[in-house]
Amino acid sequence: MSNRYETVFIMTPVLSEEQTKEAVTKYSQFLTENGANIVHEDHWGLRKLAYPIQKKTTGFYHLIEFEAAGSLISNLEINFKRDERILRFLTLAMDKHAVAYAEKKRNKAKLSQEVKA
């Protein structure tokens, strides 16, 4: 039985664009190689942190929404902890209301982009 999860991780701001893409690719591949189905990915870019982490005030945020078995989460978080590029991470199990809200938000964003085009 697979559940829907959402993980957000913050990468150190000293990385180049190439290095951030490589880090994101690493975790996307890790998920798919371990049987997860990636539903949505969103790169939020460089953002100011609420408080300094390791003397840094900004970080690159990235969100991955995926479906996977619960046993995969601990392995994913161990990889985050071992990676010095990752400042913080948070993985949440999404209930049906969170899933519905996320999909509604994506559809709304897609519609507004189509209107502009």
C-alpha atoms as a PDB file:
ATOM      1  CA  MET A   1       0.000   0.000   0.000  1.00  0.00           C
ATOM      2  CA  SER A   2       1.576   3.254  -1.046  1.00  0.00           C
ATOM      3  CA  ASN A   3       0.831   6.606   0.505  1.00  0.00           C
ATOM      4  CA  ARG A   4       1.210  10.111  -0.875  1.00  0.00           C
ATOM      5  CA  TYR A   5       4.079  12.124   0.609  1.00  0.00           C
ATOM      6  CA  GLU A   6       5.440  15.590   0.172  1.00  0.00           C
ATOM      7  CA  THR A   7       9.070  16.364   0.936  1.00  0.00           C
ATOM      8  CA  VAL A   8      10.636  19.814   0.950  1.00  0.00           C
ATOM      9  CA  PHE A   9      14.361  20.212   1.271  1.00  0.00           C
ATOM     10  CA  ILE A  10      16.561  23.298   1.517  1.00  0.00           C
ATOM     11  CA  MET A  11      19.958  23.247  -0.148  1.00  0.00           C
ATOM     12  CA  THR A  12      22.879  25.469   0.798  1.00  0.00           C
ATOM     13  CA  PRO A  13      22.996  28.786  -1.129  1.00  0.00           C
ATOM     14  CA  VAL A  14      26.675  28.383  -2.080  1.00  0.00           C
ATOM     15  CA  LEU A  15      25.784  25.787  -4.738  1.00  0.00           C
ATOM     16  CA  SER A  16      25.838  26.695  -8.411  1.00  0.00           C
ATOM     17  CA  GLU A  17      22.693  26.182 -10.490  1.00  0.00           C
ATOM     18  CA  GLU A  18      24.308  23.048 -11.934  1.00  0.00           C
ATOM     19  CA  GLN A  19      24.999  21.650  -8.441  1.00  0.00           C
ATOM     20  CA  THR A  20      21.430  22.292  -7.251  1.00  0.00           C
ATOM     21  CA  LYS A  21      20.034  20.512 -10.328  1.00  0.00           C
ATOM     22  CA  GLU A  22      22.376  17.592  -9.674  1.00  0.00           C
ATOM     23  CA  ALA A  23      21.219  17.335  -6.037  1.00  0.00           C
ATOM     24  CA  VAL A  24      17.544  17.441  -7.076  1.00  0.00           C
ATOM     25  CA  THR A  25      18.169  14.783  -9.754  1.00  0.00           C
ATOM     26  CA  LYS A  26      19.913  12.583  -7.180  1.00  0.00           C
ATOM     27  CA  TYR A  27      16.858  12.539  -4.889  1.00  0.00           C
ATOM     28  CA  SER A  28      14.349  12.175  -7.744  1.00  0.00           C
ATOM     29  CA  GLN A  29      16.305   9.180  -9.044  1.00  0.00           C
ATOM     30  CA  PHE A  30      16.624   7.741  -5.533  1.00  0.00           C
ATOM     31  CA  LEU A  31      12.834   7.830  -5.167  1.00  0.00           C
ATOM     32  CA  THR A  32      12.064   6.294  -8.574  1.00  0.00           C
ATOM     33  CA  GLU A  33      14.763   3.600  -8.194  1.00  0.00           C
ATOM     34  CA  ASN A  34      13.156   2.578  -4.893  1.00  0.00           C
ATOM     35  CA  GLY A  35       9.667   2.211  -6.342  1.00  0.00           C
ATOM     36  CA  ALA A  36       8.226   5.676  -5.728  1.00  0.00           C
ATOM     37  CA  ASN A  37       5.998   7.390  -8.269  1.00  0.00           C
ATOM     38  CA  ILE A  38       6.774  11.122  -8.490  1.00  0.00           C
ATOM     39  CA  VAL A  39       3.520  13.040  -8.857  1.00  0.00           C
ATOM     40  CA  HIS A  40       4.835  16.613  -8.896  1.00  0.00           C
ATOM     41  CA  GLU A  41       8.066  18.564  -8.478  1.00  0.00           C
ATOM     42  CA  ASP A  42       8.456  22.259  -7.870  1.00  0.00           C
ATOM     43  CA  HIS A  43      11.674  24.265  -7.580  1.00  0.00           C
ATOM     44  CA  TRP A  44      10.971  27.335  -5.458  1.00  0.00           C
ATOM     45  CA  GLY A  45      14.400  28.854  -6.023  1.00  0.00           C
ATOM     46  CA  LEU A  46      16.532  30.888  -3.632  1.00  0.00           C
ATOM     47  CA  ARG A  47      14.561  32.085  -0.606  1.00  0.00           C
ATOM     48  CA  LYS A  48      15.343  33.813   2.659  1.00  0.00           C
ATOM     49  CA  LEU A  49      15.381  31.523   5.684  1.00  0.00           C
ATOM     50  CA  ALA A  50      13.315  32.339   8.780  1.00  0.00           C
ATOM     51  CA  TYR A  51      16.516  32.059  10.859  1.00  0.00           C
ATOM     52  CA  PRO A  52      20.190  31.429  10.027  1.00  0.00           C
ATOM     53  CA  ILE A  53      21.200  27.776   9.527  1.00  0.00           C
ATOM     54  CA  GLN A  54      24.953  27.080   9.574  1.00  0.00           C
ATOM     55  CA  LYS A  55      25.509  30.875   9.336  1.00  0.00           C
ATOM     56  CA  LYS A  56      23.503  31.022   6.076  1.00  0.00           C
ATOM     57  CA  THR A  57      20.444  33.238   5.653  1.00  0.00           C
ATOM     58  CA  THR A  58      19.173  31.895   2.302  1.00  0.00           C
ATOM     59  CA  GLY A  59      18.723  28.499   0.663  1.00  0.00           C
ATOM     60  CA  PHE A  60      17.420  26.782  -2.474  1.00  0.00           C
ATOM     61  CA  TYR A  61      14.019  25.217  -1.783  1.00  0.00           C
ATOM     62  CA  HIS A  62      12.690  22.197  -3.689  1.00  0.00           C
ATOM     63  CA  LEU A  63       9.446  20.248  -3.257  1.00  0.00           C
ATOM     64  CA  ILE A  64       8.783  16.697  -4.430  1.00  0.00           C
ATOM     65  CA  GLU A  65       5.321  15.122  -4.138  1.00  0.00           C
ATOM     66  CA  PHE A  66       5.381  11.347  -4.540  1.00  0.00           C
ATOM     67  CA  GLU A  67       3.622   8.058  -3.838  1.00  0.00           C
ATOM     68  CA  ALA A  68       5.656   5.387  -2.068  1.00  0.00           C
ATOM     69  CA  ALA A  69       5.692   2.754   0.642  1.00  0.00           C
ATOM     70  CA  GLY A  70       6.264   4.155   4.130  1.00  0.00           C
ATOM     71  CA  SER A  71       9.477   2.152   4.551  1.00  0.00           C
ATOM     72  CA  LEU A  72      11.173   4.313   1.886  1.00  0.00           C
ATOM     73  CA  ILE A  73      10.910   7.498   3.964  1.00  0.00           C
ATOM     74  CA  SER A  74      13.537   6.549   6.552  1.00  0.00           C
ATOM     75  CA  ASN A  75      16.043   5.704   3.792  1.00  0.00           C
ATOM     76  CA  LEU A  76      15.327   9.011   2.057  1.00  0.00           C
ATOM     77  CA  GLU A  77      15.845  10.970   5.281  1.00  0.00           C
ATOM     78  CA  ILE A  78      19.099   9.128   6.042  1.00  0.00           C
ATOM     79  CA  ASN A  79      20.373  10.249   2.619  1.00  0.00           C
ATOM     80  CA  PHE A  80      19.332  13.841   3.367  1.00  0.00           C
ATOM     81  CA  LYS A  81      21.215  13.735   6.695  1.00  0.00           C
ATOM     82  CA  ARG A  82      24.400  12.424   5.037  1.00  0.00           C
ATOM     83  CA  ASP A  83      24.398  15.099   2.303  1.00  0.00           C
ATOM     84  CA  GLU A  84      26.221  18.280   3.321  1.00  0.00           C
ATOM     85  CA  ARG A  85      24.379  20.199   0.560  1.00  0.00           C
ATOM     86  CA  ILE A  86      21.075  19.784   2.440  1.00  0.00           C
ATOM     87  CA  LEU A  87      20.471  22.305   5.235  1.00  0.00           C
ATOM     88  CA  ARG A  88      16.978  21.134   6.250  1.00  0.00           C
ATOM     89  CA  PHE A  89      14.297  18.739   5.046  1.00  0.00           C
ATOM     90  CA  LEU A  90      10.746  17.833   5.989  1.00  0.00           C
ATOM     91  CA  THR A  91       8.669  14.920   4.719  1.00  0.00           C
ATOM     92  CA  LEU A  92       4.942  14.833   5.387  1.00  0.00           C
ATOM     93  CA  ALA A  93       2.353  12.144   4.731  1.00  0.00           C
ATOM     94  CA  MET A  94      -0.512  13.787   2.860  1.00  0.00           C
ATOM     95  CA  ASP A  95      -4.083  12.905   3.787  1.00  0.00           C
ATOM     96  CA  LYS A  96      -6.865  13.020   1.175  1.00  0.00           C
ATOM     97  CA  HIS A  97      -7.584  16.684   1.952  1.00  0.00           C
ATOM     98  CA  ALA A  98      -3.955  17.718   1.417  1.00  0.00           C
ATOM     99  CA  VAL A  99      -3.837  15.759  -1.855  1.00  0.00           C
ATOM    100  CA  ALA A 100      -7.047  17.433  -3.065  1.00  0.00           C
ATOM    101  CA  TYR A 101      -5.738  20.882  -2.074  1.00  0.00           C
ATOM    102  CA  ALA A 102      -2.384  20.358  -3.834  1.00  0.00           C
ATOM    103  CA  GLU A 103      -4.069  19.176  -7.036  1.00  0.00           C
ATOM    104  CA  LYS A 104      -6.556  22.069  -6.959  1.00  0.00           C
ATOM    105  CA  LYS A 105      -3.693  24.534  -6.501  1.00  0.00           C
ATOM    106  CA  ARG A 106      -1.733  23.004  -9.427  1.00  0.00           C
ATOM    107  CA  ASN A 107      -4.789  23.078 -11.700  1.00  0.00           C
ATOM    108  CA  LYS A 108      -5.430  26.713 -10.797  1.00  0.00           C
ATOM    109  CA  ALA A 109      -1.802  27.625 -11.613  1.00  0.00           C
ATOM    110  CA  LYS A 110      -2.007  25.716 -14.904  1.00  0.00           C
ATOM    111  CA  LEU A 111      -5.218  27.532 -15.861  1.00  0.00           C
ATOM    112  CA  SER A 112      -3.749  30.960 -15.120  1.00  0.00           C
ATOM    113  CA  GLN A 113      -0.710  30.122 -17.296  1.00  0.00           C
ATOM    114  CA  GLU A 114      -2.954  29.011 -20.163  1.00  0.00           C
ATOM    115  CA  VAL A 115      -4.931  32.271 -19.918  1.00  0.00           C
ATOM    116  CA  LYS A 116      -1.703  34.311 -20.173  1.00  0.00           C
ATOM    117  CA  ALA A 117      -0.517  32.359 -23.236  1.00  0.00           C
END
